[in-house]
Protein backbone atom coordinates (compact mmCIF):
# COMPACT_ATOMS: atom_id res chain seq x y z
CA UNK A 1 22.25 15.74 22.28
CA UNK A 2 20.26 19.31 23.53
CA UNK A 3 17.82 20.60 21.06
CA UNK A 4 17.43 24.28 22.50
CA UNK A 5 14.12 24.66 20.39
CA UNK A 6 12.89 20.89 21.34
CA UNK A 7 11.57 18.37 18.82
CA UNK A 8 7.88 18.61 19.00
CA UNK A 9 7.03 15.26 16.92
CA UNK A 10 10.82 13.66 16.85
CA UNK A 11 13.80 12.81 18.66
CA UNK A 12 16.80 15.03 19.50
CA UNK A 13 19.71 13.23 17.77
CA UNK A 14 22.64 16.03 18.02
CA UNK A 15 22.88 19.58 19.11
CA UNK A 16 19.76 21.15 17.62
CA UNK A 17 19.32 18.18 15.16
CA UNK A 18 15.99 16.72 15.04
CA UNK A 19 14.93 13.20 13.64
CA UNK A 20 11.30 13.59 12.80
CA UNK A 21 8.71 10.68 13.20
CA UNK A 22 7.05 9.52 10.01
CA UNK A 23 4.63 12.49 8.65
CA UNK A 24 6.31 15.40 10.28
CA UNK A 25 8.92 17.91 8.96
CA UNK A 26 10.92 21.13 9.90
CA UNK A 27 13.90 21.83 11.97
CA UNK A 28 12.08 21.16 15.21
CA UNK A 29 9.48 18.53 13.72
CA UNK A 30 6.53 20.80 14.47
CA UNK A 31 5.08 20.87 10.87
CA UNK A 32 3.08 18.33 9.33
CA UNK A 33 4.26 16.84 6.44
CA UNK A 34 1.63 17.18 3.56
CA UNK A 35 2.16 13.66 1.86
CA UNK A 36 -0.47 14.56 -0.76
CA UNK A 37 1.95 16.81 -2.31
CA UNK A 38 4.71 14.16 -2.68
CA UNK A 39 5.70 12.84 -5.82
CA UNK A 40 4.87 10.21 -7.05
CA UNK A 41 1.29 10.86 -5.34
CA UNK A 42 0.26 8.20 -2.54
CA UNK A 43 -3.33 7.99 -3.62
CA UNK A 44 -4.74 7.36 -7.31
CA UNK A 45 -7.93 9.45 -7.00
CA UNK A 46 -8.29 11.59 -4.07
CA UNK A 47 -5.86 12.34 -1.05
CA UNK A 48 -6.79 14.11 2.18
CA UNK A 49 -3.69 15.38 4.46
CA UNK A 50 -4.26 14.56 8.22
CA UNK A 51 -2.31 15.29 11.15
CA UNK A 52 1.05 13.31 10.74
CA UNK A 53 -0.33 10.89 7.97
CA UNK A 54 -2.93 11.22 5.09
CA UNK A 55 -6.00 9.09 3.81
CA UNK A 56 -6.79 8.00 0.25
CA UNK A 57 -10.35 8.51 -1.28
CA UNK A 58 -11.70 6.95 -4.63
CA UNK A 59 -14.23 8.50 -6.90
CA UNK A 60 -18.03 7.22 -6.74
CA UNK A 61 -18.33 3.78 -8.02
CA UNK A 62 -14.72 2.83 -7.01
CA UNK A 63 -13.24 0.91 -4.16
CA UNK A 64 -9.95 1.78 -2.46
CA UNK A 65 -7.54 -0.96 -2.27
CA UNK A 66 -4.89 -1.48 0.28
CA UNK A 67 -1.99 -0.16 -1.92
CA UNK A 68 -3.86 3.38 -2.40
CA UNK A 69 -5.24 2.37 -5.91
CA UNK A 70 -8.98 2.54 -6.98
CA UNK A 71 -10.90 -0.49 -8.61
CA UNK A 72 -14.02 -0.49 -9.94
CA UNK A 73 -16.49 -2.42 -8.41
CA UNK A 74 -20.13 -2.82 -8.11
CA UNK A 75 -20.37 -5.14 -5.22
CA UNK A 76 -17.75 -3.31 -3.30
CA UNK A 77 -19.54 -0.17 -3.61
CA UNK A 78 -22.61 -1.73 -2.04
CA UNK A 79 -20.86 -3.00 1.01
CA UNK A 80 -19.62 0.47 1.65
CA UNK A 81 -16.20 -0.64 2.93
CA UNK A 82 -14.03 2.43 4.80
CA UNK A 83 -10.76 1.55 3.01
CA UNK A 84 -11.80 -0.97 0.20
CA UNK A 85 -12.58 -4.61 -0.24
CA UNK A 86 -11.58 -7.87 -2.03
CA UNK A 87 -14.05 -10.35 -3.30
CA UNK A 88 -13.47 -13.87 -2.35
CA UNK A 89 -15.59 -16.53 -4.00
CA UNK A 90 -18.46 -14.07 -4.46
CA UNK A 91 -17.93 -13.01 -0.82
CA UNK A 92 -17.14 -9.29 -0.32
CA UNK A 93 -14.78 -8.75 2.65
CA UNK A 94 -13.40 -5.19 3.79
CA UNK A 95 -9.75 -4.39 4.09
CA UNK A 96 -7.58 -2.40 6.37
CA UNK A 97 -4.59 -0.69 5.04
CA UNK A 98 -2.36 -1.41 7.81
CA UNK A 99 -1.53 -4.41 10.02
CA UNK A 100 -1.91 -2.01 12.93
CA UNK A 101 -5.82 -1.79 12.19
CA UNK A 102 -8.50 -4.31 12.42
CA UNK A 103 -12.02 -4.40 11.18
CA UNK A 104 -14.43 -2.89 13.67
CA UNK A 105 -17.49 -4.98 14.63
CA UNK A 106 -19.62 -3.49 11.93
CA UNK A 107 -17.10 -5.14 9.41
CA UNK A 108 -16.80 -2.15 7.55
CA UNK A 109 -14.75 0.42 9.34
CA UNK A 110 -10.89 0.06 10.57
CA UNK A 111 -10.04 0.67 14.20
CA UNK A 112 -6.68 1.26 15.77
CA UNK A 113 -4.70 -1.86 17.50
CA UNK A 114 -2.77 -0.76 20.66
CA UNK A 115 0.41 -2.66 20.12
CA UNK A 116 1.67 -1.17 23.32
CA UNK A 117 -1.15 -2.87 25.50
CA UNK A 118 -1.61 -5.81 23.67
CA UNK A 119 2.21 -6.88 23.88
CA UNK A 120 2.52 -6.98 19.96
CA UNK A 121 5.09 -4.14 19.97
CA UNK A 122 8.67 -4.99 20.35
CA UNK A 123 10.80 -2.45 22.07
CA UNK A 124 14.33 -2.83 23.39
CA UNK A 125 14.58 -2.77 27.42
CA UNK A 126 15.56 1.02 27.45
CA UNK A 127 12.63 2.20 25.46
CA UNK A 128 8.82 2.63 25.73
CA UNK A 129 6.18 1.93 23.44
CA UNK A 130 4.15 4.93 21.94
CA UNK A 131 0.87 3.77 20.01
CA UNK A 132 -0.04 5.80 16.97
CA UNK A 133 -3.15 5.26 14.71
CA UNK A 134 -2.16 1.97 12.74
CA UNK A 135 1.08 1.46 14.06
CA UNK A 136 3.82 2.42 17.17
CA UNK A 137 7.11 3.68 17.49
CA UNK A 138 9.88 3.12 20.38
CA UNK A 139 10.84 6.04 22.33
CA UNK A 140 13.84 6.23 24.94
CA UNK A 141 12.59 5.68 28.58
CA UNK A 142 12.30 8.80 30.89
CA UNK A 143 15.52 9.51 31.95
CA UNK A 144 17.37 8.36 28.72
CA UNK A 145 18.21 10.22 25.57
CA UNK A 146 18.80 9.19 22.12
CA UNK A 147 22.74 9.46 21.33
CA UNK A 148 24.62 8.54 18.25
CA UNK A 149 27.40 5.99 19.93
CA UNK A 150 29.95 4.43 17.30
CA UNK A 151 27.86 3.46 14.52
CA UNK A 152 24.16 3.50 15.62
CA UNK A 153 21.92 5.26 17.84
CA UNK A 154 21.22 3.98 21.40
CA UNK A 155 19.12 5.36 24.21
CA UNK A 156 21.81 6.49 27.22
CA UNK A 157 21.31 7.58 30.58
CA UNK A 158 20.98 11.46 31.11
CA UNK A 159 23.01 12.63 33.82
CA UNK A 160 20.46 15.04 35.40
CA UNK A 161 23.53 16.32 37.95
CA UNK A 162 25.76 17.67 35.12
CA UNK A 163 22.71 18.66 32.90
CA UNK A 164 21.44 20.62 35.99
CA UNK A 165 17.66 19.66 35.49
CA UNK A 166 17.89 17.83 39.01
CA UNK A 167 15.36 19.53 41.61
CA UNK A 168 18.00 18.82 44.47
CA UNK A 169 17.89 21.31 47.34
CA UNK A 170 20.46 24.02 47.25
CA UNK A 171 22.02 22.32 50.57
CA UNK A 172 21.91 18.70 48.84
CA UNK A 173 24.52 16.88 46.52
CA UNK A 174 23.06 15.23 43.25
CA UNK A 175 23.87 11.68 42.58
CA UNK A 176 23.25 10.30 39.19
CA UNK A 177 21.56 6.92 38.82
CA UNK A 178 20.57 4.81 35.93
CA UNK A 179 17.56 6.71 34.46
CA UNK A 180 17.09 8.98 37.27
CA UNK A 181 18.82 10.69 40.17
CA UNK A 182 19.02 11.01 43.98
CA UNK A 183 19.38 13.82 46.18
CA UNK A 184 21.32 13.73 49.57
CA UNK A 185 21.54 16.52 52.14
CA UNK A 186 24.93 17.90 52.84
CA UNK A 187 26.70 17.45 56.16
CA UNK A 188 25.06 19.34 58.89
CA UNK A 189 21.60 19.35 57.13
CA UNK A 190 18.77 16.95 57.43
CA UNK A 191 15.74 16.37 55.17
CA UNK A 192 14.68 14.34 51.83
CA UNK A 193 17.59 16.05 49.64
CA UNK A 194 14.74 17.97 48.13
CA UNK A 195 14.21 19.73 51.37
CA UNK A 196 17.07 20.29 53.62
CA UNK A 197 16.98 22.14 57.10
């Protein structure tokens, strides 16, 4: 799979075919998707488009609930939560709209959980974890690319020697390895393979 124009916020799936990450669109996944313009609307009151995502807001005197709806609440309005709250036995607790977010030290705003560094993310052995605000995704390891092989997508080794993306010396031969490549100086030459004399 080679995407001549590249896939800015997505992965190359086939000849010039990009699969965009959530929140992005376009042939090369370079455009932000305006979720606020989608039908049905994702927010009950107000919606603000952000890069790769969106945020919901409520009118004064209303509190944002985790599902994007707005509930009228005096007590919640007084606590001033970032994303909405719930009342349990007279106690008001702020909520976060995603499991990838946690309440900050002030108990009102939500901060991102880095699933990649905390080990909460589960990516298969040939994929690496990329943290996003409120979530994460798994991307192919360097030296691998996403390909459609018999009914499913998998990360397969890139043959740098065939793709001609190696940096071997003119007087060296390229040897493909799993996830990488090696350079070996040809007979009569000496060096690292990147430099041959």
